[in-house]
Amino acid sequence: MSGQLLAMSTGLNIFLLIVFLLAVPVASYFLFLDIRREHKRARLSRYKLKDLKKEQFGALLKEMIEGENARSFSVIFAEFNTAKEFKETYGEAWYAWALGTIRERIASVLPKGSKVCLYEYDTYAFLLEGELTEEELGDYAAKCITKGYAPVPFGRKKGQKELPDLVIGAAAYNVNDVETRVEDFLRNLEIALAVSGREGLNDYVVFTPELLNNCADYHYYRELKDAINAEEFTLYFQPIYNLYENEPIAYEATLHWDHNELGALKRDKFIHVIERSGDIGWVGLWAYEQMVIQFKKFIKIHPDSRIAFSINLSDRQLSDPKICDELYRIATKYGVPPAGICFEVGEVVVLGRNAIVAETIEKLTQCGFMTAVDNFGLETNAVMKIGEQRIFDWVKLDKRFVAKVQDGEPDIKNMQTLLDFARGNNFLVIAQDVKDALTEEFIKRIGIFCGQGYYLGKPEPFEKYSHQAEAVVVKQ
């Protein structure tokens, strides 16, 4: 009997030991979470930053502008520009972590007693009470960029970091501005944010009345942002073929807009509007980043592939002295080799005398990117210019050449000269808008190795082509 009691006592002791050993790490884990929560509360308490819901934020603005006790204040909009891509790549939890990190960093450089509102899913509004001059508000906005634009550590993988892109716009309200209403102030803020976004990432703009003269269509910026968030914008990819091997050598990315009210918009029409409004810079970078993301997926499926991805750059984009650095930064961010990316530019760029554009193209080649001339005519001076420059990897013929082939009146007087230059300088000549087998046979017969058009492959979503067989890039 005593032996049984001893055995039971020993078993109970072992059971209690096991429970204790299991309970310790669980209790430690919850203690760790509690410490983290308290640490976060203490940090936020140090900043004395009060959170407001959007309705509370709007009511407070109305009270401070239109109430009996109106008072001066300023608001800084901080937009996490790459929020959508971050969320899709890493998921909701890590997105919330990154957004919160940005919030806390910016809070650390603002005056105590400031308030914050998650104004949109990717944008914080920071309210600073008291009167600030334009210069003082600009100093705070600059500090927000310096503090917020830094790698955000996240994820289970040790050392995993992401560099968030920010857009910041700010506006001040003075109690003496008696004609200003809440709607006016919010419009001013959105204009500042739109101008900042158009001028480039990781910078800021403080609203001044002069912006009203140059930003009458600021609402278009907002419409484009909403369209991106609603996934109305998509990239389609059209293959460029090696006509002799019948294999793709590249995929050209083009932007399509399926408008929620107007339906599918013609690309030429909305690209022209984006150019005119000044939104081509940031929209073009967004589209390029989407292409890079798809290119990275393609490389993962085909690690040994030498297929390139291409996208157009407008004259306005090429005139931006910072564009090359941005393009290279995005490629590096996703670990995509610049040698697999080709930028197509219009023929007018080749014949023009814009020194900034010429310098940008040269810098792109120095960074390892490929460059191409799009819609190239066969005028004698243009052909000679291409032969002299020797910096382009592709020359895509104007669609009118193929149209003349189909009409039975091809003009090949300068074509042989261009093909001789291509062979001598190791660049491709590509026929566009190939619509039938007869056209394909003709261009192959005169020595054009590559083609693009609906007959060879129409623009499709990435998934259509992502599992295509690998191909080797050919040269003339």
Protein backbone atom coordinates (compact mmCIF):
# COMPACT_ATOMS: atom_id res chain seq x y z
CA MET A 1 0.00 0.00 0.00
CA SER A 2 2.82 2.37 0.93
CA GLY A 3 4.49 1.46 -2.37
CA GLN A 4 1.37 2.48 -4.29
CA LEU A 5 1.18 5.76 -2.42
CA LEU A 6 4.84 6.38 -3.13
CA ALA A 7 4.29 5.66 -6.83
CA MET A 8 1.26 7.98 -6.93
CA SER A 9 3.21 10.68 -5.14
CA THR A 10 6.10 10.35 -7.58
CA GLY A 11 3.73 10.46 -10.57
CA LEU A 12 1.98 13.52 -9.20
CA ASN A 13 5.30 15.25 -8.68
CA ILE A 14 6.33 14.48 -12.25
CA PHE A 15 2.98 15.73 -13.57
CA LEU A 16 3.27 18.95 -11.57
CA LEU A 17 6.85 19.41 -12.82
CA ILE A 18 5.70 19.00 -16.41
CA VAL A 19 2.85 21.49 -15.87
CA PHE A 20 5.33 23.91 -14.31
CA LEU A 21 7.79 23.54 -17.18
CA LEU A 22 5.01 24.16 -19.68
CA ALA A 23 3.53 27.05 -17.75
CA VAL A 24 6.81 28.97 -17.43
CA PRO A 25 7.33 29.70 -21.17
CA VAL A 26 3.62 30.46 -21.64
CA ALA A 27 3.65 32.88 -18.70
CA SER A 28 6.92 34.37 -19.98
CA TYR A 29 5.39 34.89 -23.42
CA PHE A 30 2.36 36.73 -22.05
CA LEU A 31 4.60 38.72 -19.72
CA PHE A 32 6.70 39.66 -22.76
CA LEU A 33 3.57 40.82 -24.62
CA ASP A 34 2.45 42.84 -21.61
CA ILE A 35 5.89 44.47 -21.34
CA ARG A 36 5.79 45.33 -25.05
CA ARG A 37 2.33 46.88 -24.64
CA GLU A 38 3.48 48.89 -21.66
CA HIS A 39 6.63 49.93 -23.50
CA LYS A 40 4.54 51.11 -26.44
CA ARG A 41 2.16 52.98 -24.11
CA ALA A 42 5.12 54.63 -22.41
CA ARG A 43 6.64 55.63 -25.73
CA LEU A 44 3.38 57.11 -26.96
CA SER A 45 2.90 58.80 -23.60
CA ARG A 46 6.31 60.41 -24.05
CA TYR A 47 5.19 61.81 -27.39
CA LYS A 48 1.79 62.75 -25.86
CA LEU A 49 0.13 62.01 -29.17
CA LYS A 50 -3.64 61.67 -29.05
CA ASP A 51 -5.41 59.39 -31.57
CA LEU A 52 -8.58 60.63 -33.25
CA LYS A 53 -11.07 58.86 -35.45
CA LYS A 54 -11.70 60.48 -38.81
CA GLU A 55 -15.09 61.84 -37.67
CA GLN A 56 -13.49 63.34 -34.55
CA PHE A 57 -10.71 64.84 -36.67
CA GLY A 58 -13.22 66.48 -39.02
CA ALA A 59 -15.27 67.82 -36.09
CA LEU A 60 -12.14 69.25 -34.47
CA LEU A 61 -11.13 71.03 -37.66
CA LYS A 62 -14.60 72.53 -37.93
CA GLU A 63 -14.46 73.72 -34.34
CA MET A 64 -10.97 75.24 -34.77
CA ILE A 65 -11.87 77.00 -38.03
CA GLU A 66 -15.57 77.87 -37.74
CA GLY A 67 -16.28 77.62 -33.98
CA GLU A 68 -16.63 80.41 -31.46
CA ASN A 69 -13.15 79.70 -30.10
CA ALA A 70 -11.35 79.45 -33.45
CA ARG A 71 -7.57 79.03 -33.19
CA SER A 72 -4.50 78.56 -35.38
CA PHE A 73 -3.14 75.13 -36.24
CA SER A 74 -1.38 73.11 -38.96
CA VAL A 75 -1.88 69.64 -40.43
CA ILE A 76 0.68 67.34 -42.00
CA PHE A 77 -0.53 64.55 -44.30
CA ALA A 78 1.93 61.62 -44.39
CA GLU A 79 1.08 59.05 -47.05
CA PHE A 80 2.69 55.60 -47.10
CA ASN A 81 3.02 55.58 -50.88
CA THR A 82 3.95 51.90 -51.26
CA ALA A 83 1.28 50.70 -48.84
CA LYS A 84 -0.63 48.60 -51.38
CA GLU A 85 2.48 46.73 -52.55
CA PHE A 86 3.68 46.23 -48.96
CA LYS A 87 0.33 44.81 -47.87
CA GLU A 88 0.08 42.46 -50.86
CA THR A 89 3.64 41.24 -50.37
CA TYR A 90 3.77 40.79 -46.59
CA GLY A 91 0.15 40.65 -45.42
CA GLU A 92 -2.08 42.69 -43.15
CA ALA A 93 -0.21 42.08 -39.89
CA TRP A 94 3.17 43.28 -41.05
CA TYR A 95 1.55 46.13 -42.96
CA ALA A 96 -0.07 47.32 -39.71
CA TRP A 97 3.31 47.01 -38.01
CA ALA A 98 5.06 49.10 -40.70
CA LEU A 99 2.33 51.74 -40.67
CA GLY A 100 2.49 51.96 -36.88
CA THR A 101 6.27 52.28 -36.99
CA ILE A 102 6.04 55.19 -39.42
CA ARG A 103 3.42 56.81 -37.16
CA GLU A 104 5.59 56.55 -34.06
CA ARG A 105 8.70 57.83 -35.83
CA ILE A 106 6.91 60.90 -37.12
CA ALA A 107 5.27 61.46 -33.72
CA SER A 108 8.72 61.62 -32.13
CA VAL A 109 9.62 64.82 -34.03
CA LEU A 110 6.32 66.69 -33.55
CA PRO A 111 5.38 68.98 -30.66
CA LYS A 112 3.91 67.37 -27.57
CA GLY A 113 0.14 67.51 -27.55
CA SER A 114 -0.14 66.93 -31.30
CA LYS A 115 -2.99 64.73 -32.50
CA VAL A 116 -3.08 62.00 -35.13
CA CYS A 117 -5.82 60.52 -37.29
CA LEU A 118 -5.67 57.56 -39.68
CA TYR A 119 -7.23 59.68 -42.42
CA GLU A 120 -7.14 56.93 -45.04
CA TYR A 121 -5.83 53.39 -44.94
CA ASP A 122 -2.40 54.60 -46.10
CA THR A 123 -2.38 58.21 -44.83
CA TYR A 124 -1.96 59.73 -41.38
CA ALA A 125 -3.04 63.29 -40.57
CA PHE A 126 -0.98 64.93 -37.82
CA LEU A 127 -2.53 68.03 -36.25
CA LEU A 128 -0.19 70.58 -34.64
CA GLU A 129 -1.89 73.23 -32.53
CA GLY A 130 -0.64 76.83 -32.46
CA GLU A 131 0.49 79.24 -35.14
CA LEU A 132 3.36 78.17 -37.39
CA THR A 133 5.04 80.07 -40.18
CA GLU A 134 5.50 78.43 -43.58
CA GLU A 135 9.19 77.96 -42.76
CA GLU A 136 8.50 76.39 -39.35
CA LEU A 137 5.92 74.01 -40.82
CA GLY A 138 8.39 73.13 -43.57
CA ASP A 139 11.00 72.29 -40.91
CA TYR A 140 8.57 69.88 -39.23
CA ALA A 141 7.67 68.30 -42.58
CA ALA A 142 11.37 67.85 -43.39
CA LYS A 143 11.91 66.15 -40.02
CA CYS A 144 8.97 63.84 -40.77
CA ILE A 145 10.69 62.74 -43.98
CA THR A 146 14.08 62.30 -42.29
CA LYS A 147 12.62 60.25 -39.46
CA GLY A 148 9.95 58.36 -41.41
CA TYR A 149 12.00 57.45 -44.48
CA ALA A 150 14.14 54.79 -42.85
CA PRO A 151 14.12 50.97 -43.10
CA VAL A 152 11.30 49.38 -41.10
CA PRO A 153 12.37 46.11 -39.40
CA PHE A 154 9.68 43.45 -39.51
CA GLY A 155 9.03 39.78 -40.09
CA ARG A 156 10.26 36.59 -38.49
CA LYS A 157 13.40 36.56 -40.59
CA LYS A 158 16.19 38.25 -38.66
CA GLY A 159 17.31 41.49 -40.22
CA GLN A 160 14.34 41.72 -42.60
CA LYS A 161 13.70 45.38 -43.42
CA GLU A 162 11.70 47.44 -45.89
CA LEU A 163 12.28 51.04 -46.91
CA PRO A 164 8.88 52.78 -47.06
CA ASP A 165 8.26 55.51 -49.64
CA LEU A 166 6.51 58.57 -48.26
CA VAL A 167 4.63 61.53 -49.71
CA ILE A 168 4.07 64.49 -47.39
CA GLY A 169 1.87 67.56 -47.81
CA ALA A 170 1.22 70.21 -45.19
CA ALA A 171 -0.96 73.29 -44.70
CA ALA A 172 -1.33 75.90 -41.98
CA TYR A 173 -4.46 77.70 -40.81
CA ASN A 174 -4.23 81.13 -39.22
CA VAL A 175 -7.12 82.31 -37.07
CA ASN A 176 -7.12 85.57 -39.02
CA ASP A 177 -8.05 83.71 -42.24
CA VAL A 178 -11.74 84.36 -41.62
CA GLU A 179 -12.79 83.46 -45.19
CA THR A 180 -11.35 79.94 -44.97
CA ARG A 181 -13.74 77.06 -44.32
CA VAL A 182 -13.04 73.43 -43.48
CA GLU A 183 -13.58 72.40 -47.11
CA ASP A 184 -11.07 75.03 -48.26
CA PHE A 185 -8.46 73.88 -45.77
CA LEU A 186 -8.82 70.20 -46.69
CA ARG A 187 -8.61 71.17 -50.37
CA ASN A 188 -5.36 73.01 -49.64
CA LEU A 189 -3.99 69.95 -47.87
CA GLU A 190 -4.90 67.67 -50.78
CA ILE A 191 -3.32 70.10 -53.24
CA ALA A 192 -0.09 70.09 -51.22
CA LEU A 193 -0.15 66.29 -51.14
CA ALA A 194 -0.88 66.10 -54.89
CA VAL A 195 1.95 68.48 -55.77
CA SER A 196 4.32 66.59 -53.47
CA GLY A 197 3.35 63.26 -55.04
CA ARG A 198 3.81 64.63 -58.54
CA GLU A 199 7.23 66.05 -57.75
CA GLY A 200 8.59 62.78 -56.39
CA LEU A 201 8.70 60.45 -53.42
CA ASN A 202 10.18 61.10 -49.98
CA ASP A 203 9.83 64.85 -50.12
CA TYR A 204 7.29 67.38 -48.89
CA VAL A 205 5.30 70.40 -50.06
CA VAL A 206 3.79 73.10 -47.83
CA PHE A 207 0.69 74.73 -49.28
CA THR A 208 0.94 78.32 -50.49
CA PRO A 209 -1.74 80.29 -52.39
CA GLU A 210 0.44 80.16 -55.51
CA LEU A 211 -0.26 76.42 -55.78
CA LEU A 212 -3.89 77.21 -56.61
CA ASN A 213 -2.81 78.70 -59.94
CA ASN A 214 -0.89 75.59 -61.00
CA CYS A 215 -3.03 72.81 -59.60
CA ALA A 216 -6.57 73.37 -60.82
CA ASP A 217 -6.84 69.66 -61.66
CA TYR A 218 -5.46 68.37 -58.34
CA HIS A 219 -8.62 66.25 -58.03
CA TYR A 220 -7.28 64.12 -60.90
CA TYR A 221 -4.40 63.07 -58.66
CA ARG A 222 -6.97 61.87 -56.13
CA GLU A 223 -8.93 60.01 -58.82
CA LEU A 224 -5.79 58.21 -59.97
CA LYS A 225 -4.87 57.24 -56.41
CA ASP A 226 -8.39 55.90 -55.84
CA ALA A 227 -8.21 53.97 -59.13
CA ILE A 228 -4.95 52.34 -58.05
CA ASN A 229 -6.38 51.42 -54.64
CA ALA A 230 -9.50 50.00 -56.30
CA GLU A 231 -7.28 47.95 -58.67
CA GLU A 232 -8.78 49.60 -61.73
CA PHE A 233 -5.27 49.96 -63.13
CA THR A 234 -3.66 46.78 -64.40
CA LEU A 235 -0.54 45.96 -66.37
CA TYR A 236 -0.81 43.89 -69.52
CA PHE A 237 2.20 42.22 -71.12
CA GLN A 238 2.73 41.69 -74.85
CA PRO A 239 5.50 39.39 -76.08
CA ILE A 240 8.24 40.33 -78.53
CA TYR A 241 9.23 37.27 -80.55
CA ASN A 242 12.32 35.84 -82.11
CA LEU A 243 10.64 35.06 -85.43
CA TYR A 244 13.10 32.35 -86.42
CA GLU A 245 12.96 30.42 -83.15
CA ASN A 246 9.30 31.29 -82.50
CA GLU A 247 10.14 32.12 -78.89
CA PRO A 248 9.60 35.28 -76.82
CA ILE A 249 12.66 37.37 -76.07
CA ALA A 250 10.85 40.05 -74.06
CA TYR A 251 7.52 41.22 -72.68
CA GLU A 252 6.42 44.84 -73.00
CA ALA A 253 4.32 46.16 -70.09
CA THR A 254 1.45 48.54 -70.86
CA LEU A 255 -0.98 50.22 -68.48
CA HIS A 256 -4.73 49.58 -68.79
CA TRP A 257 -7.49 51.45 -66.93
CA ASP A 258 -10.84 49.76 -66.38
CA HIS A 259 -12.73 52.79 -65.07
CA ASN A 260 -15.51 52.00 -62.59
CA GLU A 261 -17.97 54.26 -64.45
CA LEU A 262 -16.63 54.71 -67.98
CA GLY A 263 -15.40 51.16 -68.52
CA ALA A 264 -12.17 50.33 -70.33
CA LEU A 265 -10.47 53.57 -71.36
CA LYS A 266 -8.27 53.82 -74.41
CA ARG A 267 -4.67 53.94 -73.28
CA ASP A 268 -3.65 56.77 -75.60
CA LYS A 269 -6.44 58.94 -74.23
CA PHE A 270 -5.76 58.63 -70.51
CA ILE A 271 -1.96 58.62 -70.90
CA HIS A 272 -2.30 61.97 -72.67
CA VAL A 273 -4.36 63.35 -69.77
CA ILE A 274 -1.86 62.03 -67.22
CA GLU A 275 0.92 63.71 -69.17
CA ARG A 276 -0.96 67.01 -69.24
CA SER A 277 -1.88 66.95 -65.56
CA GLY A 278 1.69 66.22 -64.47
CA ASP A 279 0.80 62.84 -62.93
CA ILE A 280 2.86 60.81 -65.42
CA GLY A 281 5.88 60.90 -63.12
CA TRP A 282 4.42 59.13 -60.11
CA VAL A 283 1.95 56.98 -62.09
CA GLY A 284 4.81 55.90 -64.36
CA LEU A 285 6.94 54.93 -61.36
CA TRP A 286 4.02 53.02 -59.88
CA ALA A 287 3.50 51.11 -63.15
CA TYR A 288 7.24 50.42 -63.40
CA GLU A 289 7.27 49.04 -59.85
CA GLN A 290 4.35 46.73 -60.70
CA MET A 291 6.32 45.51 -63.71
CA VAL A 292 9.39 44.88 -61.55
CA ILE A 293 7.27 42.88 -59.09
CA GLN A 294 5.98 40.68 -61.93
CA PHE A 295 9.48 40.37 -63.37
CA LYS A 296 10.71 39.11 -60.00
CA LYS A 297 7.95 36.46 -60.03
CA PHE A 298 8.95 35.47 -63.56
CA ILE A 299 12.61 35.11 -62.53
CA LYS A 300 11.55 32.88 -59.64
CA ILE A 301 9.74 30.59 -62.07
CA HIS A 302 12.52 30.77 -64.70
CA PRO A 303 15.78 31.49 -62.79
CA ASP A 304 17.98 30.91 -65.87
CA SER A 305 15.85 32.92 -68.28
CA ARG A 306 17.32 35.81 -70.26
CA ILE A 307 13.93 37.21 -71.23
CA ALA A 308 13.68 40.97 -70.67
CA PHE A 309 10.76 43.10 -69.50
CA SER A 310 10.24 46.52 -71.09
CA ILE A 311 8.20 49.64 -70.41
CA ASN A 312 7.86 53.08 -71.99
CA LEU A 313 9.31 56.29 -70.56
CA SER A 314 7.79 59.56 -71.72
CA ASP A 315 9.77 62.67 -72.60
CA ARG A 316 8.48 64.29 -69.42
CA GLN A 317 9.74 61.41 -67.30
CA LEU A 318 13.12 61.50 -69.00
CA SER A 319 13.35 65.22 -68.26
CA ASP A 320 13.28 64.53 -64.53
CA PRO A 321 16.91 64.55 -63.30
CA LYS A 322 15.99 62.17 -60.45
CA ILE A 323 14.24 59.52 -62.57
CA CYS A 324 17.24 57.27 -63.13
CA ASP A 325 18.04 57.06 -59.42
CA GLU A 326 14.41 56.16 -58.68
CA LEU A 327 14.31 53.46 -61.37
CA TYR A 328 17.54 51.93 -60.14
CA ARG A 329 16.43 52.10 -56.50
CA ILE A 330 13.21 50.20 -57.25
CA ALA A 331 15.06 47.50 -59.20
CA THR A 332 17.50 47.10 -56.31
CA LYS A 333 14.67 47.04 -53.79
CA TYR A 334 13.22 43.89 -55.39
CA GLY A 335 16.56 42.33 -56.26
CA VAL A 336 15.87 42.45 -60.01
CA PRO A 337 18.89 42.80 -62.36
CA PRO A 338 18.82 46.07 -64.36
CA ALA A 339 20.22 44.15 -67.34
CA GLY A 340 16.82 42.46 -67.71
CA ILE A 341 14.87 45.74 -67.92
CA CYS A 342 14.52 47.80 -71.08
CA PHE A 343 13.15 51.35 -71.27
CA GLU A 344 11.52 52.37 -74.55
CA VAL A 345 11.70 56.03 -75.59
CA GLY A 346 10.14 57.89 -78.49
CA GLU A 347 12.02 58.64 -81.69
CA VAL A 348 11.77 62.36 -80.94
CA VAL A 349 14.15 61.73 -78.04
CA VAL A 350 16.78 60.42 -80.44
CA LEU A 351 16.47 63.39 -82.76
CA GLY A 352 15.99 66.01 -80.05
CA ARG A 353 18.57 68.19 -78.39
CA ASN A 354 17.39 68.06 -74.78
CA ALA A 355 20.61 67.74 -72.79
CA ILE A 356 18.85 66.45 -69.64
CA VAL A 357 17.08 63.70 -71.60
CA ALA A 358 20.31 62.66 -73.33
CA GLU A 359 22.08 62.57 -69.96
CA THR A 360 19.28 60.45 -68.44
CA ILE A 361 19.46 57.87 -71.24
CA GLU A 362 23.23 57.71 -70.90
CA LYS A 363 22.90 57.26 -67.14
CA LEU A 364 20.36 54.44 -67.62
CA THR A 365 22.87 52.53 -69.73
CA GLN A 366 25.60 53.15 -67.14
CA CYS A 367 23.32 51.66 -64.47
CA GLY A 368 23.05 48.52 -66.57
CA PHE A 369 19.54 49.02 -67.99
CA MET A 370 18.75 48.42 -71.64
CA THR A 371 17.26 51.18 -73.79
CA ALA A 372 15.17 51.09 -76.95
CA VAL A 373 13.77 53.49 -79.53
CA ASP A 374 10.01 53.13 -80.02
CA ASN A 375 8.05 53.95 -83.20
CA PHE A 376 11.18 54.56 -85.25
CA GLY A 377 10.68 56.03 -88.71
CA LEU A 378 13.06 55.28 -91.55
CA GLU A 379 14.00 58.82 -92.52
CA THR A 380 17.62 59.04 -93.61
CA ASN A 381 18.70 61.48 -90.87
CA ALA A 382 17.10 59.32 -88.14
CA VAL A 383 18.82 56.17 -89.42
CA MET A 384 22.19 57.94 -89.50
CA LYS A 385 21.63 59.31 -85.98
CA ILE A 386 20.97 55.81 -84.64
CA GLY A 387 24.15 54.60 -86.30
CA GLU A 388 26.14 57.38 -84.66
CA GLN A 389 24.75 57.03 -81.12
CA ARG A 390 25.31 53.29 -80.56
CA ILE A 391 23.65 53.26 -77.15
CA PHE A 392 20.33 51.52 -77.88
CA ASP A 393 19.68 47.79 -77.56
CA TRP A 394 16.47 47.74 -79.64
CA VAL A 395 14.94 49.78 -82.41
CA LYS A 396 11.18 49.21 -82.81
CA LEU A 397 9.94 50.25 -86.24
CA ASP A 398 7.04 52.64 -86.65
CA LYS A 399 3.80 50.75 -87.30
CA ARG A 400 3.48 52.53 -90.63
CA PHE A 401 6.25 50.35 -92.06
CA VAL A 402 4.26 47.16 -91.47
CA ALA A 403 1.11 48.87 -92.77
CA LYS A 404 2.93 49.59 -96.03
CA VAL A 405 4.02 45.96 -96.20
CA GLN A 406 0.40 44.87 -95.92
CA ASP A 407 -0.57 47.38 -98.62
CA GLY A 408 2.10 45.96 -100.91
CA GLU A 409 4.12 49.20 -100.93
CA PRO A 410 7.01 48.67 -98.47
CA ASP A 411 9.75 51.26 -98.49
CA ILE A 412 12.98 49.45 -97.73
CA LYS A 413 15.40 52.06 -99.10
CA ASN A 414 16.74 52.91 -95.66
CA MET A 415 15.91 49.57 -94.08
CA GLN A 416 19.06 47.83 -95.31
CA THR A 417 21.16 50.69 -93.95
CA LEU A 418 19.47 50.31 -90.55
CA LEU A 419 19.98 46.53 -90.61
CA ASP A 420 23.65 47.01 -91.46
CA PHE A 421 23.99 49.35 -88.48
CA ALA A 422 22.20 46.75 -86.33
CA ARG A 423 24.59 43.99 -87.31
CA GLY A 424 27.60 46.23 -86.83
CA ASN A 425 26.50 47.59 -83.44
CA ASN A 426 24.76 44.52 -82.05
CA PHE A 427 21.22 45.87 -81.56
CA LEU A 428 17.83 44.43 -82.47
CA VAL A 429 15.41 45.71 -85.10
CA ILE A 430 11.81 44.86 -84.18
CA ALA A 431 8.79 45.11 -86.46
CA GLN A 432 5.61 46.21 -84.68
CA ASP A 433 1.96 45.47 -85.40
CA VAL A 434 2.54 42.16 -87.20
CA LYS A 435 -0.98 41.02 -88.09
CA ASP A 436 -0.62 38.02 -90.37
CA ALA A 437 1.68 35.27 -91.65
CA LEU A 438 2.44 37.04 -94.95
CA THR A 439 3.77 40.09 -93.14
CA GLU A 440 5.88 37.87 -90.89
CA GLU A 441 7.37 36.06 -93.88
CA PHE A 442 8.20 39.33 -95.63
CA ILE A 443 10.00 40.93 -92.70
CA LYS A 444 11.95 37.72 -92.10
CA ARG A 445 12.96 37.64 -95.75
CA ILE A 446 14.47 41.14 -95.65
CA GLY A 447 16.40 40.32 -92.47
CA ILE A 448 14.26 41.44 -89.52
CA PHE A 449 14.59 38.79 -86.83
CA CYS A 450 12.09 40.04 -84.26
CA GLY A 451 8.45 41.09 -84.24
CA GLN A 452 5.53 42.12 -82.08
CA GLY A 453 1.80 42.26 -82.77
CA TYR A 454 -1.58 40.64 -82.19
CA TYR A 455 -0.74 37.85 -84.66
CA LEU A 456 2.22 36.85 -82.49
CA GLY A 457 0.63 37.52 -79.10
CA LYS A 458 -1.78 40.12 -77.78
CA PRO A 459 -1.46 42.07 -74.50
CA GLU A 460 -2.50 39.82 -71.61
CA PRO A 461 -2.31 39.79 -67.80
CA PHE A 462 0.99 38.53 -66.41
CA GLU A 463 -0.41 35.10 -65.50
CA LYS A 464 -1.00 34.34 -69.19
CA TYR A 465 2.71 34.42 -69.98
CA SER A 466 4.39 33.73 -66.65
CA HIS A 467 4.87 30.01 -67.36
CA GLN A 468 6.00 30.37 -70.97
CA ALA A 469 9.10 28.46 -71.97
CA GLU A 470 12.40 30.25 -71.50
CA ALA A 471 14.13 31.83 -74.44
CA VAL A 472 17.52 33.19 -75.33
CA VAL A 473 17.86 36.77 -76.52
CA VAL A 474 19.05 36.98 -80.09
CA LYS A 475 20.99 39.77 -81.78
CA GLN A 476 20.96 40.89 -85.37
